[in-house]
């Protein structure tokens, strides 16, 4: 446990137009969208209908591709291609009716209408087997509406988020949720479970560390419930990244007392040491087609971001700003890292997120203030998830990189310790 405390302390310790991310795929016109629900629904269906509306409004706003009307209108005729509200102003009308079934499933019938020509753009039905999973149903509708206007993909909204949630001393659970934290389900509990990392793009399984007699890495399958032991190590153990094909893991291990980064081959069950330093090397991330890694090290006397080619001993310093840069994430040639910007010994400190490119020396600040930790890129690189801590409460943060916008989703109880999506 002492190693994990040291590790957590180590890594926890206004947008501008710049050259670090090319802003592309901008829509020439941002359409206005209005949402209406069917009237005369049962109390249960009406309850979920209102919740679905709230998620839809949030999704459309977060996408950056719509001017959304927050007001929830109503209709009585689902077949009509017009709004009954004469004051409706917009380009698109999304009409939906919600049906709750006796088996606990939820059905939503939705129509997207072009208000300018009173024409039907699509009519689809959506269902989830359990009504509490309604956020994913709403996300799917938003994704389909977004596709209809040929906007850049927001399919990441449909993905699970996995995070470790602090419960009490020496007890942390692994939870899956949607990106808004509206849906949450505990999938691993009992003991100290931390550092979840998705095993591949399908997001059917994830790796996590459980502290037993020794730190032990497990692989948990969400659909089968299989919990497979992968490897154990003295000192500490965490999986910080997975290769593009899912066959290689970047592990932080400390078999000899000092943490270094290893590549672990899932098929052969063998590991290869990448870094070899007498201090602390942690938080490895694959870059450059999995041929190099970026990682956090204290080899300058404070945490900073470095890069190293796998199989080579040469180390390159990547960040020359800040004196405590203690976590990072990578997408292609882009790196986002956490930097401490205050030196408060007895109170809270400020940690902000910055973006750099391995192909330029420009630095882009992503957060204006607060305690912002553990950034993770989305699969398409256009969004970043992170943990925001404020007054003993955790929130999941989303940064839409190409749109200069960020959003926060508070966790109502407990504290997020580490996260992946």
Protein backbone atom coordinates (compact mmCIF):
# COMPACT_ATOMS: atom_id res chain seq x y z
CA UNK A 1 0.00 0.00 0.00
CA UNK A 2 2.92 2.37 0.64
CA UNK A 3 3.94 2.12 -3.02
CA UNK A 4 0.45 2.99 -4.22
CA UNK A 5 0.28 6.02 -1.92
CA UNK A 6 3.64 7.26 -3.24
CA UNK A 7 2.50 6.66 -6.83
CA UNK A 8 -0.80 8.52 -6.36
CA UNK A 9 0.97 11.46 -4.73
CA UNK A 10 3.49 11.52 -7.58
CA UNK A 11 0.95 11.63 -10.36
CA UNK A 12 -1.64 13.73 -8.56
CA UNK A 13 0.95 16.06 -7.17
CA UNK A 14 -9.00 29.91 -21.93
CA UNK A 15 -8.43 28.28 -25.17
CA UNK A 16 -6.40 29.99 -27.95
CA UNK A 17 -6.14 29.32 -31.66
CA UNK A 18 -2.70 27.80 -32.18
CA UNK A 19 -0.71 25.23 -34.10
CA UNK A 20 -1.16 22.28 -31.77
CA UNK A 21 -4.45 21.09 -33.25
CA UNK A 22 -5.75 22.00 -36.67
CA UNK A 23 -9.41 22.99 -36.40
CA UNK A 24 -11.14 21.17 -39.23
CA UNK A 25 -14.53 19.85 -40.29
CA UNK A 26 -16.32 23.04 -39.24
CA UNK A 27 -19.93 23.20 -40.29
CA UNK A 28 -20.76 26.02 -42.67
CA UNK A 29 -24.11 26.43 -40.90
CA UNK A 30 -25.16 25.40 -37.38
CA UNK A 31 -28.78 24.19 -37.57
CA UNK A 32 -31.29 24.90 -34.84
CA UNK A 33 -33.04 21.86 -33.36
CA UNK A 34 -36.29 21.64 -31.38
CA UNK A 35 -37.33 18.60 -29.32
CA UNK A 36 -40.90 17.47 -28.63
CA UNK A 37 -42.32 14.52 -26.66
CA UNK A 38 -45.67 12.77 -26.99
CA UNK A 39 -48.36 13.90 -24.56
CA UNK A 40 -50.68 11.60 -22.58
CA UNK A 41 -47.93 9.14 -21.63
CA UNK A 42 -48.07 6.95 -18.53
CA UNK A 43 -46.39 8.29 -15.40
CA UNK A 44 -43.46 5.89 -15.81
CA UNK A 45 -42.98 6.65 -19.50
CA UNK A 46 -43.32 10.36 -18.81
CA UNK A 47 -40.62 10.11 -16.13
CA UNK A 48 -38.10 8.59 -18.54
CA UNK A 49 -39.21 10.87 -21.37
CA UNK A 50 -38.20 13.94 -19.35
CA UNK A 51 -34.84 12.37 -18.47
CA UNK A 52 -34.19 11.45 -22.10
CA UNK A 53 -34.88 15.04 -23.11
CA UNK A 54 -32.32 16.33 -20.61
CA UNK A 55 -29.64 13.99 -21.95
CA UNK A 56 -30.47 14.85 -25.58
CA UNK A 57 -30.16 18.58 -24.93
CA UNK A 58 -26.78 17.99 -23.30
CA UNK A 59 -25.57 15.78 -26.16
CA UNK A 60 -26.53 18.31 -28.81
CA UNK A 61 -24.77 21.10 -26.90
CA UNK A 62 -21.62 19.06 -26.27
CA UNK A 63 -21.44 18.07 -29.95
CA UNK A 64 -21.00 21.69 -30.97
CA UNK A 65 -23.03 21.00 -34.11
CA UNK A 66 -26.47 22.31 -33.10
CA UNK A 67 -28.21 25.35 -31.69
CA UNK A 68 -30.55 23.49 -29.37
CA UNK A 69 -33.75 24.83 -27.81
CA UNK A 70 -33.81 23.76 -24.14
CA UNK A 71 -37.61 23.86 -24.01
CA UNK A 72 -39.38 20.50 -24.25
CA UNK A 73 -42.43 20.81 -26.49
CA UNK A 74 -45.24 18.28 -26.84
CA UNK A 75 -47.34 16.72 -29.59
CA UNK A 76 -50.39 14.50 -29.82
CA UNK A 77 -50.01 13.30 -33.42
CA UNK A 78 -46.80 11.35 -33.95
CA UNK A 79 -47.40 11.08 -37.72
CA UNK A 80 -47.57 14.83 -38.30
CA UNK A 81 -44.52 16.43 -39.92
CA UNK A 82 -45.12 19.81 -38.33
CA UNK A 83 -44.95 21.22 -34.82
CA UNK A 84 -48.18 22.09 -33.02
CA UNK A 85 -46.37 25.02 -31.42
CA UNK A 86 -46.67 28.04 -33.73
CA UNK A 87 -43.74 29.72 -32.01
CA UNK A 88 -41.24 26.98 -32.86
CA UNK A 89 -38.17 28.36 -34.57
CA UNK A 90 -35.54 26.03 -35.91
CA UNK A 91 -34.40 23.91 -38.79
CA UNK A 92 -34.95 20.46 -37.31
CA UNK A 93 -37.70 18.95 -35.18
CA UNK A 94 -37.01 15.79 -33.18
CA UNK A 95 -40.23 14.11 -32.06
CA UNK A 96 -40.20 11.04 -29.82
CA UNK A 97 -42.53 8.86 -27.82
CA UNK A 98 -41.41 6.74 -24.87
CA UNK A 99 -42.85 3.32 -24.05
CA UNK A 100 -42.03 1.36 -20.88
CA UNK A 101 -42.56 -2.41 -21.01
CA UNK A 102 -43.46 -4.85 -18.26
CA UNK A 103 -40.10 -6.66 -18.63
CA UNK A 104 -38.25 -3.46 -17.65
CA UNK A 105 -37.15 -2.57 -21.16
CA UNK A 106 -37.57 0.87 -22.68
CA UNK A 107 -38.64 1.72 -26.25
CA UNK A 108 -38.42 5.10 -27.94
CA UNK A 109 -39.83 5.85 -31.38
CA UNK A 110 -38.22 8.95 -32.88
CA UNK A 111 -38.66 11.05 -35.99
CA UNK A 112 -36.40 13.77 -37.33
CA UNK A 113 -38.21 16.35 -39.44
CA UNK A 114 -36.92 19.14 -41.67
CA UNK A 115 -39.04 22.09 -40.55
CA UNK A 116 -38.11 24.17 -43.58
CA UNK A 117 -39.75 21.73 -45.96
CA UNK A 118 -41.95 19.70 -43.59
CA UNK A 119 -40.18 16.56 -44.79
CA UNK A 120 -39.28 13.41 -42.88
CA UNK A 121 -35.53 12.85 -42.58
CA UNK A 122 -35.71 9.58 -40.63
CA UNK A 123 -37.99 7.49 -38.45
CA UNK A 124 -36.34 4.98 -36.10
CA UNK A 125 -37.02 2.90 -33.02
CA UNK A 126 -34.56 2.56 -30.15
CA UNK A 127 -34.62 0.14 -27.24
CA UNK A 128 -32.62 -0.78 -24.14
CA UNK A 129 -33.21 -3.94 -22.13
CA UNK A 130 -33.23 -2.09 -18.81
CA UNK A 131 -34.86 1.30 -18.37
CA UNK A 132 -31.98 2.66 -16.23
CA UNK A 133 -29.80 2.48 -19.35
CA UNK A 134 -31.85 5.27 -20.96
CA UNK A 135 -28.78 7.59 -21.30
CA UNK A 136 -27.29 5.27 -23.93
CA UNK A 137 -30.60 5.27 -25.81
CA UNK A 138 -30.55 9.08 -25.83
CA UNK A 139 -26.88 9.14 -26.91
CA UNK A 140 -27.71 6.83 -29.84
CA UNK A 141 -30.50 9.15 -30.98
CA UNK A 142 -28.13 12.14 -30.81
CA UNK A 143 -25.48 10.26 -32.78
CA UNK A 144 -28.01 9.42 -35.53
CA UNK A 145 -29.30 12.99 -35.73
CA UNK A 146 -25.71 14.19 -35.97
CA UNK A 147 -25.03 11.75 -38.82
CA UNK A 148 -28.11 13.05 -40.65
CA UNK A 149 -26.58 16.51 -40.99
CA UNK A 150 -23.19 15.04 -42.01
CA UNK A 151 -21.42 16.57 -39.02
CA UNK A 152 -18.15 15.17 -37.60
CA UNK A 153 -18.78 11.95 -35.67
CA UNK A 154 -19.85 12.01 -32.02
CA UNK A 155 -20.00 8.22 -31.70
CA UNK A 156 -17.76 8.43 -28.64
CA UNK A 157 -20.91 9.44 -26.73
CA UNK A 158 -22.15 5.84 -26.96
CA UNK A 159 -19.05 4.41 -25.28
CA UNK A 160 -18.72 3.26 -21.69
CA UNK A 161 -16.49 5.19 -19.32
CA UNK A 162 -14.69 3.08 -16.71
CA UNK A 163 -13.34 4.55 -13.48
CA UNK A 164 -12.20 3.61 -10.00
CA UNK A 165 -14.30 5.10 -7.20
CA UNK A 166 -12.91 5.63 -3.72
CA UNK A 167 -15.29 4.24 -1.08
CA UNK A 168 -13.34 4.05 2.18
CA UNK A 169 -9.74 3.47 3.23
CA UNK A 170 -8.34 0.48 1.31
CA UNK A 171 -11.59 0.08 -0.65
CA UNK A 172 -12.18 1.26 -4.21
CA UNK A 173 -14.72 -0.06 -6.71
CA UNK A 174 -14.56 -0.19 -10.50
CA UNK A 175 -17.60 1.47 -12.09
CA UNK A 176 -18.81 1.74 -15.69
CA UNK A 177 -20.92 4.70 -16.76
CA UNK A 178 -21.93 6.83 -19.69
CA UNK A 179 -19.89 9.99 -20.23
CA UNK A 180 -22.38 12.13 -18.27
CA UNK A 181 -22.28 9.80 -15.21
CA UNK A 182 -26.08 9.58 -15.44
CA UNK A 183 -25.87 5.78 -15.73
CA UNK A 184 -23.51 4.01 -13.33
CA UNK A 185 -22.96 0.35 -12.53
CA UNK A 186 -20.39 -1.12 -10.14
CA UNK A 187 -18.73 -4.13 -11.78
CA UNK A 188 -15.79 -4.86 -9.46
CA UNK A 189 -15.92 -4.37 -5.70
CA UNK A 190 -14.31 -5.64 -2.54
CA UNK A 191 -10.80 -4.50 -1.70
CA UNK A 192 -8.63 -1.90 -3.37
CA UNK A 193 -9.27 -1.88 -7.14
CA UNK A 194 -7.72 0.88 -9.21
CA UNK A 195 -6.25 2.00 -12.57
CA UNK A 196 -8.87 0.58 -15.00
CA UNK A 197 -7.81 0.59 -18.66
CA UNK A 198 -9.87 -0.62 -21.62
CA UNK A 199 -8.38 -3.73 -23.20
CA UNK A 200 -9.20 -2.80 -26.81
CA UNK A 201 -11.49 -0.69 -28.99
CA UNK A 202 -14.49 -3.01 -28.48
CA UNK A 203 -14.59 -2.03 -24.78
CA UNK A 204 -15.81 -5.46 -23.78
CA UNK A 205 -12.99 -5.94 -21.26
CA UNK A 206 -10.71 -3.81 -19.14
CA UNK A 207 -7.53 -4.27 -17.12
CA UNK A 208 -7.27 -3.12 -13.54
CA UNK A 209 -4.98 -3.50 -10.52
CA UNK A 210 -6.14 -5.24 -7.36
CA UNK A 211 -4.03 -5.07 -4.22
CA UNK A 212 -3.77 -8.57 -2.76
CA UNK A 213 -0.61 -9.98 -1.16
CA UNK A 214 1.06 -8.41 -4.18
CA UNK A 215 -0.31 -5.86 -6.67
CA UNK A 216 -2.04 -8.01 -9.31
CA UNK A 217 -3.27 -7.10 -12.78
CA UNK A 218 -6.63 -8.58 -13.81
CA UNK A 219 -8.64 -8.52 -17.01
CA UNK A 220 -12.41 -8.29 -16.50
CA UNK A 221 -14.98 -9.07 -19.23
CA UNK A 222 -18.18 -7.03 -18.91
CA UNK A 223 -20.36 -9.55 -20.75
CA UNK A 224 -19.17 -12.87 -19.36
CA UNK A 225 -18.05 -11.65 -15.93
CA UNK A 226 -14.77 -13.52 -16.38
CA UNK A 227 -12.02 -12.10 -14.17
CA UNK A 228 -8.65 -13.30 -15.45
CA UNK A 229 -5.37 -12.86 -13.58
CA UNK A 230 -2.68 -11.50 -15.92
CA UNK A 231 0.46 -10.79 -13.87
CA UNK A 232 1.56 -9.84 -10.36
CA UNK A 233 4.56 -7.87 -9.14
CA UNK A 234 6.26 -6.71 -5.98
CA UNK A 235 6.08 -3.02 -5.21
CA UNK A 236 3.50 -1.61 -7.60
CA UNK A 237 1.74 -2.47 -10.84
CA UNK A 238 -0.55 -0.58 -13.22
CA UNK A 239 -1.51 -0.74 -16.90
CA UNK A 240 -1.33 2.74 -18.40
CA UNK A 241 -1.82 2.00 -22.11
CA UNK A 242 -2.67 -0.71 -24.65
CA UNK A 243 -1.25 -0.99 -28.17
CA UNK A 244 -3.39 -0.33 -31.22
CA UNK A 245 -3.90 -4.05 -31.87
CA UNK A 246 -4.53 -4.84 -28.20
CA UNK A 247 -1.62 -7.30 -27.86
CA UNK A 248 0.86 -5.15 -25.92
CA UNK A 249 0.44 -3.45 -22.56
CA UNK A 250 2.51 -0.66 -21.04
CA UNK A 251 2.95 -1.55 -17.39
CA UNK A 252 4.45 0.44 -14.56
CA UNK A 253 6.18 -2.04 -12.25
CA UNK A 254 8.63 -1.82 -9.37
CA UNK A 255 10.05 -5.33 -8.91
CA UNK A 256 13.30 -3.89 -7.52
CA UNK A 257 11.82 -1.03 -5.53
CA UNK A 258 11.89 1.73 -8.19
CA UNK A 259 9.07 2.01 -10.75
CA UNK A 260 9.97 1.54 -14.42
CA UNK A 261 7.94 0.99 -17.57
CA UNK A 262 7.67 -2.43 -19.22
CA UNK A 263 6.03 -3.73 -22.39
CA UNK A 264 4.00 -6.86 -21.67
CA UNK A 265 3.02 -9.21 -24.52
CA UNK A 266 -0.45 -10.64 -23.91
CA UNK A 267 0.05 -13.64 -26.20
CA UNK A 268 3.47 -14.79 -24.97
CA UNK A 269 2.97 -13.56 -21.37
CA UNK A 270 6.47 -12.06 -21.44
CA UNK A 271 7.62 -8.59 -20.44
CA UNK A 272 10.41 -6.35 -21.68
CA UNK A 273 11.80 -3.45 -19.69
CA UNK A 274 11.74 -0.14 -21.58
CA UNK A 275 13.00 2.43 -19.06
CA UNK A 276 15.84 1.78 -16.64
CA UNK A 277 16.27 4.63 -14.21
CA UNK A 278 17.12 4.77 -10.50
CA UNK A 279 14.25 7.20 -9.83
CA UNK A 280 10.59 7.14 -10.86
CA UNK A 281 9.27 6.37 -14.38
CA UNK A 282 5.47 5.98 -14.63
CA UNK A 283 2.38 6.55 -16.82
CA UNK A 284 3.69 5.27 -20.16
CA UNK A 285 1.69 5.95 -23.34
CA UNK A 286 2.28 4.59 -26.84
CA UNK A 287 2.99 7.10 -29.63
CA UNK A 288 4.27 7.00 -33.21
CA UNK A 289 2.53 3.74 -34.22
CA UNK A 290 3.41 2.08 -30.89
CA UNK A 291 7.15 2.42 -31.59
CA UNK A 292 7.81 5.03 -28.91
CA UNK A 293 6.43 5.90 -25.49
CA UNK A 294 5.87 9.14 -23.62
CA UNK A 295 5.98 8.93 -19.86
CA UNK A 296 6.41 10.83 -16.59
CA UNK A 297 9.78 10.78 -14.83
CA UNK A 298 11.52 12.64 -12.01
CA UNK A 299 14.95 12.45 -13.65
CA UNK A 300 15.21 16.26 -13.59
CA UNK A 301 14.48 16.31 -9.87
CA UNK A 302 10.75 16.95 -10.45
CA UNK A 303 8.06 15.19 -12.53
CA UNK A 304 8.23 15.98 -16.23
CA UNK A 305 7.29 14.47 -19.60
CA UNK A 306 9.79 12.45 -21.65
CA UNK A 307 9.81 10.22 -24.72
CA UNK A 308 11.80 7.08 -25.53
CA UNK A 309 11.90 4.72 -28.49
CA UNK A 310 11.17 1.14 -27.46
CA UNK A 311 14.42 -0.81 -27.63
CA UNK A 312 16.57 2.31 -27.27
CA UNK A 313 18.11 3.84 -24.15
CA UNK A 314 17.95 7.43 -25.42
CA UNK A 315 15.46 9.67 -23.59
CA UNK A 316 14.05 12.95 -24.96
CA UNK A 317 12.60 15.72 -22.81
CA UNK A 318 9.31 16.93 -24.29
CA UNK A 319 8.13 19.66 -21.92
CA UNK A 320 10.17 22.69 -20.86
CA UNK A 321 7.44 24.57 -19.00
CA UNK A 322 6.34 23.94 -15.38
CA UNK A 323 8.05 22.25 -12.44
CA UNK A 324 5.57 19.46 -11.69
CA UNK A 325 4.14 17.83 -14.83
CA UNK A 326 2.79 14.63 -13.39
CA UNK A 327 0.44 12.80 -15.79
CA UNK A 328 -0.03 12.61 -19.54
CA UNK A 329 -2.00 11.09 -22.41
CA UNK A 330 -1.15 10.78 -26.11
CA UNK A 331 -2.93 10.68 -29.47
CA UNK A 332 -0.78 10.36 -32.58
CA UNK A 333 1.70 13.26 -32.24
CA UNK A 334 -0.34 15.17 -29.64
CA UNK A 335 0.31 15.01 -25.91
CA UNK A 336 -1.80 16.42 -23.09
CA UNK A 337 -0.23 16.68 -19.66
CA UNK A 338 -1.06 17.90 -16.16
CA UNK A 339 1.05 20.70 -14.69
CA UNK A 340 0.99 21.95 -11.09
CA UNK A 341 0.93 25.73 -10.97
CA UNK A 342 0.92 26.46 -7.24
CA UNK A 343 3.04 25.55 -4.24
CA UNK A 344 0.54 25.38 -1.40
CA UNK A 345 2.02 23.09 1.23
CA UNK A 346 -1.07 22.95 3.45
CA UNK A 347 -4.00 23.59 1.10
CA UNK A 348 -5.25 22.76 -2.37
CA UNK A 349 -3.05 23.25 -5.41
CA UNK A 350 -3.87 24.25 -8.97
CA UNK A 351 -3.28 21.65 -11.68
CA UNK A 352 -4.01 22.62 -15.27
CA UNK A 353 -3.96 20.69 -18.55
CA UNK A 354 -1.77 21.64 -21.49
CA UNK A 355 -1.45 20.29 -25.03
CA UNK A 356 1.71 20.04 -27.08
CA UNK A 357 2.65 18.48 -30.40
CA UNK A 358 5.78 16.44 -31.03
CA UNK A 359 6.00 18.31 -34.35
CA UNK A 360 6.04 21.86 -32.97
CA UNK A 361 7.03 23.77 -29.84
CA UNK A 362 3.69 25.51 -29.31
CA UNK A 363 1.92 24.96 -25.96
CA UNK A 364 -1.86 25.18 -25.67
CA UNK A 365 -3.55 25.62 -22.29
CA UNK A 366 -6.77 23.61 -21.99
CA UNK A 367 -8.09 24.44 -18.51
CA UNK A 368 -8.20 27.86 -16.80
CA UNK A 369 -8.09 26.88 -13.12
CA UNK A 370 -8.76 24.18 -10.51
CA UNK A 371 -7.40 20.70 -9.85
CA UNK A 372 -7.50 18.88 -13.19
CA UNK A 373 -5.95 15.40 -13.41
CA UNK A 374 -5.61 12.20 -15.45
CA UNK A 375 -6.40 13.41 -19.02
CA UNK A 376 -7.38 10.78 -21.61
CA UNK A 377 -7.90 11.29 -25.34
CA UNK A 378 -10.96 9.92 -27.10
CA UNK A 379 -10.33 7.38 -29.86
CA UNK A 380 -10.70 10.07 -32.55
CA UNK A 381 -8.52 12.56 -30.68
CA UNK A 382 -11.14 15.32 -30.81
CA UNK A 383 -12.17 15.13 -27.15
CA UNK A 384 -10.37 14.76 -23.83
CA UNK A 385 -11.77 13.35 -20.62
CA UNK A 386 -10.25 14.23 -17.25
CA UNK A 387 -10.91 14.33 -13.50
CA UNK A 388 -11.74 17.65 -11.88
CA UNK A 389 -11.50 17.86 -8.07
CA UNK A 390 -13.04 20.72 -6.10
CA UNK A 391 -13.89 20.93 -2.39
CA UNK A 392 -13.71 17.16 -1.86
CA UNK A 393 -15.99 16.44 -4.83
CA UNK A 394 -14.98 14.80 -8.10
CA UNK A 395 -16.34 15.60 -11.53
CA UNK A 396 -15.76 14.10 -14.95
CA UNK A 397 -14.63 16.78 -17.37
CA UNK A 398 -14.98 16.75 -21.17
CA UNK A 399 -12.94 19.06 -23.40
CA UNK A 400 -14.06 19.39 -27.03
CA UNK A 401 -10.66 20.25 -28.50
CA UNK A 402 -11.80 21.58 -31.88
CA UNK A 403 -14.62 23.64 -30.40
CA UNK A 404 -12.92 25.39 -27.48
CA UNK A 405 -15.56 24.20 -25.03
CA UNK A 406 -15.52 22.12 -21.85
CA UNK A 407 -18.20 20.52 -19.68
CA UNK A 408 -18.29 19.08 -16.14
CA UNK A 409 -20.37 16.17 -14.78
CA UNK A 410 -20.15 15.89 -10.96
CA UNK A 411 -20.00 12.54 -9.18
CA UNK A 412 -22.69 12.67 -6.51
CA UNK A 413 -20.92 10.44 -3.98
CA UNK A 414 -17.40 9.07 -3.59
CA UNK A 415 -14.33 10.27 -5.44
CA UNK A 416 -12.96 9.38 -8.88
CA UNK A 417 -9.39 8.10 -8.54
CA UNK A 418 -8.53 7.09 -12.12
CA UNK A 419 -10.48 6.91 -15.37
CA UNK A 420 -10.50 5.65 -18.97
CA UNK A 421 -12.87 5.75 -21.95
